[in-house]
Amino acid sequence: MKTFVFDVDGTLSFDGQTIAAEILASIQALVERGHRIIFASARPIRDLMPIIPGFKHVQLIGANGALVVQNGRVEVVAPIQTADFHRLRGVIAQANLDYVVDGRWDYAARVTPTHPLAQRIDPAHLAQRVSLGEITTAVKVVLLGLPPRQATDLSRTLAARKGLAVVSYAGEGNLDITAQDINKATALQHLGVTDYIAFGNDQNDLEMLAGARTSVWVNSKTQLAHLGQLASVTCQPTSQAVATQIARLA
């Protein structure tokens, strides 16, 4: 039995809403051959589940590693510490920032309807949208739509603060913030997974890919093409290419 770990957005899904039939079929073939499947996403669990409806009993990693699902139960790997969360709320208020703040299940958000993330937040209406003040335990904070200079400055300032991990997405103006040392690789360790094959396409996948027996870089972001050199295999960002690569590694 092999363990396959899949990022979702930009790796399996190229529109943020669906996964092509040939990719789903290739993953289902893995299940039928007895392989272990884990989906590992920047999305919180409530937003991850609707895009993989045919895989209800696999393990899940959400919120860049801050959440996992085992035996149907959502677990918090590590929350953002209270003092750090208060600091982030102050940053949001002072700079009047758009944001998504995820709790274990419910969330608070201020997002313009035209932002690409807007359509991905709780698409199946599984959670409650609450006020920022009602989030008592935050697992992930996303700061949205930042101009390049502001994104760089905030990323450096927050990353320098002990207790936080910050992922900056090239050209997107978004910052993903979790507790220190939380990422997809540490979530795999939490699940007891050490020997695995991983598929990813972005900076939040790097630690996971680095720890994989075989790593596949899906080249869906041209500005990050150079990172493909760090992976065992590079793959074109098409559903057929990804499905073929999955089948080869099976």
C-alpha atoms as a PDB file:
ATOM      1  CA  MET A   1       0.000   0.000   0.000  1.00  0.00           C
ATOM      2  CA  LYS A   2       1.203   3.483  -0.881  1.00  0.00           C
ATOM      3  CA  THR A   3       0.056   6.765   0.633  1.00  0.00           C
ATOM      4  CA  PHE A   4      -0.845   9.550  -1.800  1.00  0.00           C
ATOM      5  CA  VAL A   5      -1.215  13.119  -0.537  1.00  0.00           C
ATOM      6  CA  PHE A   6      -2.924  15.611  -2.848  1.00  0.00           C
ATOM      7  CA  ASP A   7      -3.137  19.371  -2.676  1.00  0.00           C
ATOM      8  CA  VAL A   8      -6.369  20.513  -4.341  1.00  0.00           C
ATOM      9  CA  ASP A   9      -6.416  24.032  -5.800  1.00  0.00           C
ATOM     10  CA  GLY A  10      -4.083  24.351  -8.765  1.00  0.00           C
ATOM     11  CA  THR A  11      -3.097  20.693  -8.417  1.00  0.00           C
ATOM     12  CA  LEU A  12      -6.321  18.737  -8.896  1.00  0.00           C
ATOM     13  CA  SER A  13      -8.733  21.609  -9.529  1.00  0.00           C
ATOM     14  CA  PHE A  14      -7.984  24.346 -12.033  1.00  0.00           C
ATOM     15  CA  ASP A  15     -11.144  26.411 -11.558  1.00  0.00           C
ATOM     16  CA  GLY A  16     -11.505  26.293  -7.772  1.00  0.00           C
ATOM     17  CA  GLN A  17     -14.895  24.619  -8.010  1.00  0.00           C
ATOM     18  CA  THR A  18     -14.541  21.215  -9.683  1.00  0.00           C
ATOM     19  CA  ILE A  19     -12.084  18.390 -10.251  1.00  0.00           C
ATOM     20  CA  ALA A  20     -12.083  16.856 -13.728  1.00  0.00           C
ATOM     21  CA  ALA A  21     -13.632  13.423 -14.162  1.00  0.00           C
ATOM     22  CA  GLU A  22     -10.391  11.812 -15.351  1.00  0.00           C
ATOM     23  CA  ILE A  23      -8.526  12.968 -12.237  1.00  0.00           C
ATOM     24  CA  LEU A  24     -11.305  11.738  -9.954  1.00  0.00           C
ATOM     25  CA  ALA A  25     -11.278   8.405 -11.770  1.00  0.00           C
ATOM     26  CA  SER A  26      -7.521   8.053 -11.347  1.00  0.00           C
ATOM     27  CA  ILE A  27      -7.800   8.730  -7.604  1.00  0.00           C
ATOM     28  CA  GLN A  28     -10.714   6.312  -7.284  1.00  0.00           C
ATOM     29  CA  ALA A  29      -8.532   3.683  -8.987  1.00  0.00           C
ATOM     30  CA  LEU A  30      -5.952   4.218  -6.233  1.00  0.00           C
ATOM     31  CA  VAL A  31      -8.613   3.559  -3.611  1.00  0.00           C
ATOM     32  CA  GLU A  32      -9.725   0.399  -5.388  1.00  0.00           C
ATOM     33  CA  ARG A  33      -6.122  -0.859  -5.440  1.00  0.00           C
ATOM     34  CA  GLY A  34      -5.889  -0.412  -1.680  1.00  0.00           C
ATOM     35  CA  HIS A  35      -3.772   2.738  -1.552  1.00  0.00           C
ATOM     36  CA  ARG A  36      -4.247   5.359   1.143  1.00  0.00           C
ATOM     37  CA  ILE A  37      -5.510   8.787   0.050  1.00  0.00           C
ATOM     38  CA  ILE A  38      -5.113  12.093   1.903  1.00  0.00           C
ATOM     39  CA  PHE A  39      -6.265  15.479   0.617  1.00  0.00           C
ATOM     40  CA  ALA A  40      -4.198  18.367   2.015  1.00  0.00           C
ATOM     41  CA  SER A  41      -5.497  21.854   1.321  1.00  0.00           C
ATOM     42  CA  ALA A  42      -5.218  25.482   2.324  1.00  0.00           C
ATOM     43  CA  ARG A  43      -9.010  25.347   2.543  1.00  0.00           C
ATOM     44  CA  PRO A  44     -10.590  24.701   5.926  1.00  0.00           C
ATOM     45  CA  ILE A  45     -12.354  21.361   6.175  1.00  0.00           C
ATOM     46  CA  ARG A  46     -15.846  22.786   5.535  1.00  0.00           C
ATOM     47  CA  ASP A  47     -14.636  24.220   2.190  1.00  0.00           C
ATOM     48  CA  LEU A  48     -12.602  21.160   1.247  1.00  0.00           C
ATOM     49  CA  MET A  49     -15.365  18.585   1.614  1.00  0.00           C
ATOM     50  CA  PRO A  50     -17.692  19.881  -1.148  1.00  0.00           C
ATOM     51  CA  ILE A  51     -15.029  19.611  -3.864  1.00  0.00           C
ATOM     52  CA  ILE A  52     -14.295  15.935  -3.080  1.00  0.00           C
ATOM     53  CA  PRO A  53     -17.778  14.523  -2.430  1.00  0.00           C
ATOM     54  CA  GLY A  54     -16.884  11.015  -3.603  1.00  0.00           C
ATOM     55  CA  PHE A  55     -14.185  10.551  -0.965  1.00  0.00           C
ATOM     56  CA  LYS A  56     -16.009  10.801   2.334  1.00  0.00           C
ATOM     57  CA  HIS A  57     -13.923   8.321   4.295  1.00  0.00           C
ATOM     58  CA  VAL A  58     -10.379   9.457   3.508  1.00  0.00           C
ATOM     59  CA  GLN A  59      -8.202  11.530   5.808  1.00  0.00           C
ATOM     60  CA  LEU A  60      -8.167  15.278   5.268  1.00  0.00           C
ATOM     61  CA  ILE A  61      -5.758  18.074   6.086  1.00  0.00           C
ATOM     62  CA  GLY A  62      -7.209  21.573   6.025  1.00  0.00           C
ATOM     63  CA  ALA A  63      -6.266  25.175   6.761  1.00  0.00           C
ATOM     64  CA  ASN A  64      -2.654  24.591   5.664  1.00  0.00           C
ATOM     65  CA  GLY A  65      -2.221  21.925   8.314  1.00  0.00           C
ATOM     66  CA  ALA A  66      -4.075  23.504  11.236  1.00  0.00           C
ATOM     67  CA  LEU A  67      -6.969  21.041  10.882  1.00  0.00           C
ATOM     68  CA  VAL A  68      -7.206  17.310  10.184  1.00  0.00           C
ATOM     69  CA  VAL A  69     -10.030  14.830   9.863  1.00  0.00           C
ATOM     70  CA  GLN A  70      -9.596  11.352  11.310  1.00  0.00           C
ATOM     71  CA  ASN A  71     -12.408   8.822  11.615  1.00  0.00           C
ATOM     72  CA  GLY A  72     -14.896  11.489  10.543  1.00  0.00           C
ATOM     73  CA  ARG A  73     -13.889  13.898  13.321  1.00  0.00           C
ATOM     74  CA  VAL A  74     -12.424  17.365  12.758  1.00  0.00           C
ATOM     75  CA  GLU A  75      -9.378  17.940  14.985  1.00  0.00           C
ATOM     76  CA  VAL A  76      -7.449  21.158  15.592  1.00  0.00           C
ATOM     77  CA  VAL A  77      -3.736  20.416  15.277  1.00  0.00           C
ATOM     78  CA  ALA A  78      -2.785  23.802  16.741  1.00  0.00           C
ATOM     79  CA  PRO A  79      -4.752  27.049  17.081  1.00  0.00           C
ATOM     80  CA  ILE A  80      -3.317  30.531  16.795  1.00  0.00           C
ATOM     81  CA  GLN A  81      -2.429  31.618  20.312  1.00  0.00           C
ATOM     82  CA  THR A  82      -4.815  34.112  21.884  1.00  0.00           C
ATOM     83  CA  ALA A  83      -2.286  36.949  22.131  1.00  0.00           C
ATOM     84  CA  ASP A  84      -1.291  36.485  18.492  1.00  0.00           C
ATOM     85  CA  PHE A  85      -4.925  36.454  17.388  1.00  0.00           C
ATOM     86  CA  HIS A  86      -5.591  39.693  19.268  1.00  0.00           C
ATOM     87  CA  ARG A  87      -2.576  41.196  17.477  1.00  0.00           C
ATOM     88  CA  LEU A  88      -3.960  40.089  14.099  1.00  0.00           C
ATOM     89  CA  ARG A  89      -7.378  41.544  14.903  1.00  0.00           C
ATOM     90  CA  GLY A  90      -5.628  44.820  15.656  1.00  0.00           C
ATOM     91  CA  VAL A  91      -3.808  44.725  12.314  1.00  0.00           C
ATOM     92  CA  ILE A  92      -7.101  44.086  10.507  1.00  0.00           C
ATOM     93  CA  ALA A  93      -8.825  46.968  12.264  1.00  0.00           C
ATOM     94  CA  GLN A  94      -5.958  49.444  11.947  1.00  0.00           C
ATOM     95  CA  ALA A  95      -5.412  48.852   8.230  1.00  0.00           C
ATOM     96  CA  ASN A  96      -9.101  48.202   7.464  1.00  0.00           C
ATOM     97  CA  LEU A  97      -8.240  44.901   5.773  1.00  0.00           C
ATOM     98  CA  ASP A  98     -10.453  42.315   4.136  1.00  0.00           C
ATOM     99  CA  TYR A  99     -10.092  38.921   5.799  1.00  0.00           C
ATOM    100  CA  VAL A 100     -11.299  35.395   6.414  1.00  0.00           C
ATOM    101  CA  VAL A 101     -10.819  34.034   9.930  1.00  0.00           C
ATOM    102  CA  ASP A 102     -11.471  30.335  10.371  1.00  0.00           C
ATOM    103  CA  GLY A 103     -12.415  28.631  13.588  1.00  0.00           C
ATOM    104  CA  ARG A 104     -12.629  24.858  13.861  1.00  0.00           C
ATOM    105  CA  TRP A 105     -15.790  24.991  11.709  1.00  0.00           C
ATOM    106  CA  ASP A 106     -17.437  28.440  11.658  1.00  0.00           C
ATOM    107  CA  TYR A 107     -15.826  31.570  10.275  1.00  0.00           C
ATOM    108  CA  ALA A 108     -15.808  35.367  10.133  1.00  0.00           C
ATOM    109  CA  ALA A 109     -15.186  37.175   6.858  1.00  0.00           C
ATOM    110  CA  ARG A 110     -15.138  40.463   5.019  1.00  0.00           C
ATOM    111  CA  VAL A 111     -14.570  39.714   1.346  1.00  0.00           C
ATOM    112  CA  THR A 112     -15.519  41.668  -1.752  1.00  0.00           C
ATOM    113  CA  PRO A 113     -17.852  39.602  -3.972  1.00  0.00           C
ATOM    114  CA  THR A 114     -15.403  39.850  -6.883  1.00  0.00           C
ATOM    115  CA  HIS A 115     -12.471  38.365  -4.975  1.00  0.00           C
ATOM    116  CA  PRO A 116     -11.584  34.840  -6.269  1.00  0.00           C
ATOM    117  CA  LEU A 117     -11.833  33.445  -2.747  1.00  0.00           C
ATOM    118  CA  ALA A 118     -15.417  34.624  -2.302  1.00  0.00           C
ATOM    119  CA  GLN A 119     -16.885  31.706  -4.249  1.00  0.00           C
ATOM    120  CA  ARG A 120     -14.878  29.156  -2.269  1.00  0.00           C
ATOM    121  CA  ILE A 121     -16.001  30.134   1.221  1.00  0.00           C
ATOM    122  CA  ASP A 122     -18.499  27.600   2.575  1.00  0.00           C
ATOM    123  CA  PRO A 123     -20.011  26.820  -0.855  1.00  0.00           C
ATOM    124  CA  ALA A 124     -22.213  24.064   0.580  1.00  0.00           C
ATOM    125  CA  HIS A 125     -23.425  26.239   3.484  1.00  0.00           C
ATOM    126  CA  LEU A 126     -22.159  23.815   6.112  1.00  0.00           C
ATOM    127  CA  ALA A 127     -21.053  26.415   8.678  1.00  0.00           C
ATOM    128  CA  GLN A 128     -22.133  29.640  10.303  1.00  0.00           C
ATOM    129  CA  ARG A 129     -20.727  33.030   9.328  1.00  0.00           C
ATOM    130  CA  VAL A 130     -20.231  34.933  12.573  1.00  0.00           C
ATOM    131  CA  SER A 131     -18.740  38.249  13.608  1.00  0.00           C
ATOM    132  CA  LEU A 132     -15.001  38.523  14.120  1.00  0.00           C
ATOM    133  CA  GLY A 133     -15.569  39.019  17.839  1.00  0.00           C
ATOM    134  CA  GLU A 134     -17.373  35.676  18.055  1.00  0.00           C
ATOM    135  CA  ILE A 135     -14.312  33.709  16.921  1.00  0.00           C
ATOM    136  CA  THR A 136     -12.707  32.700  20.195  1.00  0.00           C
ATOM    137  CA  THR A 137     -10.278  30.124  18.765  1.00  0.00           C
ATOM    138  CA  ALA A 138      -8.801  30.879  15.344  1.00  0.00           C
ATOM    139  CA  VAL A 139      -6.918  28.228  13.386  1.00  0.00           C
ATOM    140  CA  LYS A 140      -6.167  30.318  10.309  1.00  0.00           C
ATOM    141  CA  VAL A 141      -6.354  33.972   9.284  1.00  0.00           C
ATOM    142  CA  VAL A 142      -6.263  35.078   5.654  1.00  0.00           C
ATOM    143  CA  LEU A 143      -5.557  38.727   4.873  1.00  0.00           C
ATOM    144  CA  LEU A 144      -6.876  39.558   1.417  1.00  0.00           C
ATOM    145  CA  GLY A 145      -6.187  41.892  -1.469  1.00  0.00           C
ATOM    146  CA  LEU A 146      -3.009  43.493  -0.165  1.00  0.00           C
ATOM    147  CA  PRO A 147      -0.930  45.727  -2.466  1.00  0.00           C
ATOM    148  CA  PRO A 148       2.542  44.212  -3.095  1.00  0.00           C
ATOM    149  CA  ARG A 149       4.433  46.521  -0.734  1.00  0.00           C
ATOM    150  CA  GLN A 150       1.920  46.099   2.068  1.00  0.00           C
ATOM    151  CA  ALA A 151       1.899  42.317   1.606  1.00  0.00           C
ATOM    152  CA  THR A 152       5.700  42.199   1.814  1.00  0.00           C
ATOM    153  CA  ASP A 153       5.895  44.438   4.873  1.00  0.00           C
ATOM    154  CA  LEU A 154       3.131  42.628   6.737  1.00  0.00           C
ATOM    155  CA  SER A 155       4.559  39.226   5.864  1.00  0.00           C
ATOM    156  CA  ARG A 156       7.951  40.170   7.268  1.00  0.00           C
ATOM    157  CA  THR A 157       6.493  41.775  10.384  1.00  0.00           C
ATOM    158  CA  LEU A 158       4.192  38.870  11.201  1.00  0.00           C
ATOM    159  CA  ALA A 159       6.730  36.157  10.329  1.00  0.00           C
ATOM    160  CA  ALA A 160       9.181  37.792  12.729  1.00  0.00           C
ATOM    161  CA  ARG A 161       6.641  37.461  15.538  1.00  0.00           C
ATOM    162  CA  LYS A 162       7.258  34.230  17.404  1.00  0.00           C
ATOM    163  CA  GLY A 163       4.161  32.099  17.337  1.00  0.00           C
ATOM    164  CA  LEU A 164       2.993  32.646  13.731  1.00  0.00           C
ATOM    165  CA  ALA A 165       3.625  30.987  10.368  1.00  0.00           C
ATOM    166  CA  VAL A 166       2.942  33.141   7.292  1.00  0.00           C
ATOM    167  CA  VAL A 167       2.556  32.027   3.674  1.00  0.00           C
ATOM    168  CA  SER A 168       2.602  34.755   1.010  1.00  0.00           C
ATOM    169  CA  TYR A 169       1.190  33.829  -2.390  1.00  0.00           C
ATOM    170  CA  ALA A 170       3.071  35.331  -5.321  1.00  0.00           C
ATOM    171  CA  GLY A 171       1.016  37.863  -7.250  1.00  0.00           C
ATOM    172  CA  GLU A 172      -2.176  37.250  -5.273  1.00  0.00           C
ATOM    173  CA  GLY A 173      -1.868  39.773  -2.444  1.00  0.00           C
ATOM    174  CA  ASN A 174      -3.047  37.258   0.151  1.00  0.00           C
ATOM    175  CA  LEU A 175      -1.365  36.166   3.378  1.00  0.00           C
ATOM    176  CA  ASP A 176      -2.254  32.859   5.046  1.00  0.00           C
ATOM    177  CA  ILE A 177      -1.443  32.845   8.751  1.00  0.00           C
ATOM    178  CA  THR A 178      -1.450  29.866  11.095  1.00  0.00           C
ATOM    179  CA  ALA A 179       0.281  28.968  14.340  1.00  0.00           C
ATOM    180  CA  GLN A 180       4.059  28.639  14.264  1.00  0.00           C
ATOM    181  CA  ASP A 181       5.420  25.461  12.633  1.00  0.00           C
ATOM    182  CA  ILE A 182       2.015  24.523  11.264  1.00  0.00           C
ATOM    183  CA  ASN A 183       2.012  23.350   7.664  1.00  0.00           C
ATOM    184  CA  LYS A 184       0.906  20.338   5.663  1.00  0.00           C
ATOM    185  CA  ALA A 185       4.061  18.394   6.565  1.00  0.00           C
ATOM    186  CA  THR A 186       3.525  18.815  10.304  1.00  0.00           C
ATOM    187  CA  ALA A 187      -0.111  17.766   9.848  1.00  0.00           C
ATOM    188  CA  LEU A 188       1.087  14.575   8.162  1.00  0.00           C
ATOM    189  CA  GLN A 189       3.329  13.940  11.149  1.00  0.00           C
ATOM    190  CA  HIS A 190       0.276  14.454  13.386  1.00  0.00           C
ATOM    191  CA  LEU A 191      -1.460  11.729  11.361  1.00  0.00           C
ATOM    192  CA  GLY A 192       1.559   9.450  11.700  1.00  0.00           C
ATOM    193  CA  VAL A 193       2.386   9.593   7.989  1.00  0.00           C
ATOM    194  CA  THR A 194       6.098   9.516   7.121  1.00  0.00           C
ATOM    195  CA  ASP A 195       6.306   7.596   3.826  1.00  0.00           C
ATOM    196  CA  TYR A 196       4.185   9.146   1.086  1.00  0.00           C
ATOM    197  CA  ILE A 197       3.870  10.444  -2.479  1.00  0.00           C
ATOM    198  CA  ALA A 198       2.798  14.078  -2.712  1.00  0.00           C
ATOM    199  CA  PHE A 199       1.280  16.309  -5.407  1.00  0.00           C
ATOM    200  CA  GLY A 200       1.396  20.111  -5.036  1.00  0.00           C
ATOM    201  CA  ASN A 201       1.712  23.380  -6.918  1.00  0.00           C
ATOM    202  CA  ASP A 202       2.344  26.262  -4.512  1.00  0.00           C
ATOM    203  CA  GLN A 203       4.502  27.645  -1.747  1.00  0.00           C
ATOM    204  CA  ASN A 204       2.318  26.164   0.974  1.00  0.00           C
ATOM    205  CA  ASP A 205       3.135  22.700  -0.420  1.00  0.00           C
ATOM    206  CA  LEU A 206       6.926  22.969  -0.205  1.00  0.00           C
ATOM    207  CA  GLU A 207       7.436  21.356   3.206  1.00  0.00           C
ATOM    208  CA  MET A 208       5.064  18.534   2.286  1.00  0.00           C
ATOM    209  CA  LEU A 209       6.823  17.932  -1.029  1.00  0.00           C
ATOM    210  CA  ALA A 210      10.251  18.045   0.606  1.00  0.00           C
ATOM    211  CA  GLY A 211       9.306  15.200   2.942  1.00  0.00           C
ATOM    212  CA  ALA A 212       7.803  12.963   0.258  1.00  0.00           C
ATOM    213  CA  ARG A 213       9.319   9.784  -1.132  1.00  0.00           C
ATOM    214  CA  THR A 214       8.242  11.045  -4.549  1.00  0.00           C
ATOM    215  CA  SER A 215       7.078  14.629  -5.103  1.00  0.00           C
ATOM    216  CA  VAL A 216       5.113  15.859  -8.115  1.00  0.00           C
ATOM    217  CA  TRP A 217       5.061  19.565  -8.937  1.00  0.00           C
ATOM    218  CA  VAL A 218       2.048  20.620 -11.026  1.00  0.00           C
ATOM    219  CA  ASN A 219       3.224  23.691 -12.926  1.00  0.00           C
ATOM    220  CA  SER A 220      -0.005  25.699 -12.761  1.00  0.00           C
ATOM    221  CA  LYS A 221       1.648  28.950 -11.629  1.00  0.00           C
ATOM    222  CA  THR A 222       4.201  30.122 -14.167  1.00  0.00           C
ATOM    223  CA  GLN A 223       5.784  32.550 -11.688  1.00  0.00           C
ATOM    224  CA  LEU A 224       6.657  29.558  -9.493  1.00  0.00           C
ATOM    225  CA  ALA A 225       7.954  27.288 -12.261  1.00  0.00           C
ATOM    226  CA  HIS A 226      11.457  27.395 -10.775  1.00  0.00           C
ATOM    227  CA  LEU A 227      10.208  25.579  -7.683  1.00  0.00           C
ATOM    228  CA  GLY A 228       9.529  22.549  -9.831  1.00  0.00           C
ATOM    229  CA  GLN A 229      13.268  21.892  -9.753  1.00  0.00           C
ATOM    230  CA  LEU A 230      12.866  20.885  -6.121  1.00  0.00           C
ATOM    231  CA  ALA A 231      10.413  18.094  -6.958  1.00  0.00           C
ATOM    232  CA  SER A 232      11.045  14.575  -8.226  1.00  0.00           C
ATOM    233  CA  VAL A 233       8.670  15.060 -11.161  1.00  0.00           C
ATOM    234  CA  THR A 234       7.087  18.048 -12.885  1.00  0.00           C
ATOM    235  CA  CYS A 235       3.655  17.820 -14.465  1.00  0.00           C
ATOM    236  CA  GLN A 236       1.761  20.052 -16.856  1.00  0.00           C
ATOM    237  CA  PRO A 237      -1.389  21.683 -15.410  1.00  0.00           C
ATOM    238  CA  THR A 238      -3.945  19.721 -17.393  1.00  0.00           C
ATOM    239  CA  SER A 239      -6.407  17.172 -16.106  1.00  0.00           C
ATOM    240  CA  GLN A 240      -5.101  14.500 -18.465  1.00  0.00           C
ATOM    241  CA  ALA A 241      -1.458  15.064 -17.475  1.00  0.00           C
ATOM    242  CA  VAL A 242      -2.280  14.901 -13.762  1.00  0.00           C
ATOM    243  CA  ALA A 243      -4.439  11.779 -14.188  1.00  0.00           C
ATOM    244  CA  THR A 244      -1.674  10.098 -16.174  1.00  0.00           C
ATOM    245  CA  GLN A 245       0.922  10.914 -13.531  1.00  0.00           C
ATOM    246  CA  ILE A 246      -1.284   9.509 -10.774  1.00  0.00           C
ATOM    247  CA  ALA A 247      -1.732   6.292 -12.750  1.00  0.00           C
ATOM    248  CA  ARG A 248       2.029   5.978 -13.342  1.00  0.00           C
ATOM    249  CA  LEU A 249       2.819   6.266  -9.651  1.00  0.00           C
ATOM    250  CA  ALA A 250       0.117   3.770  -8.677  1.00  0.00           C
END
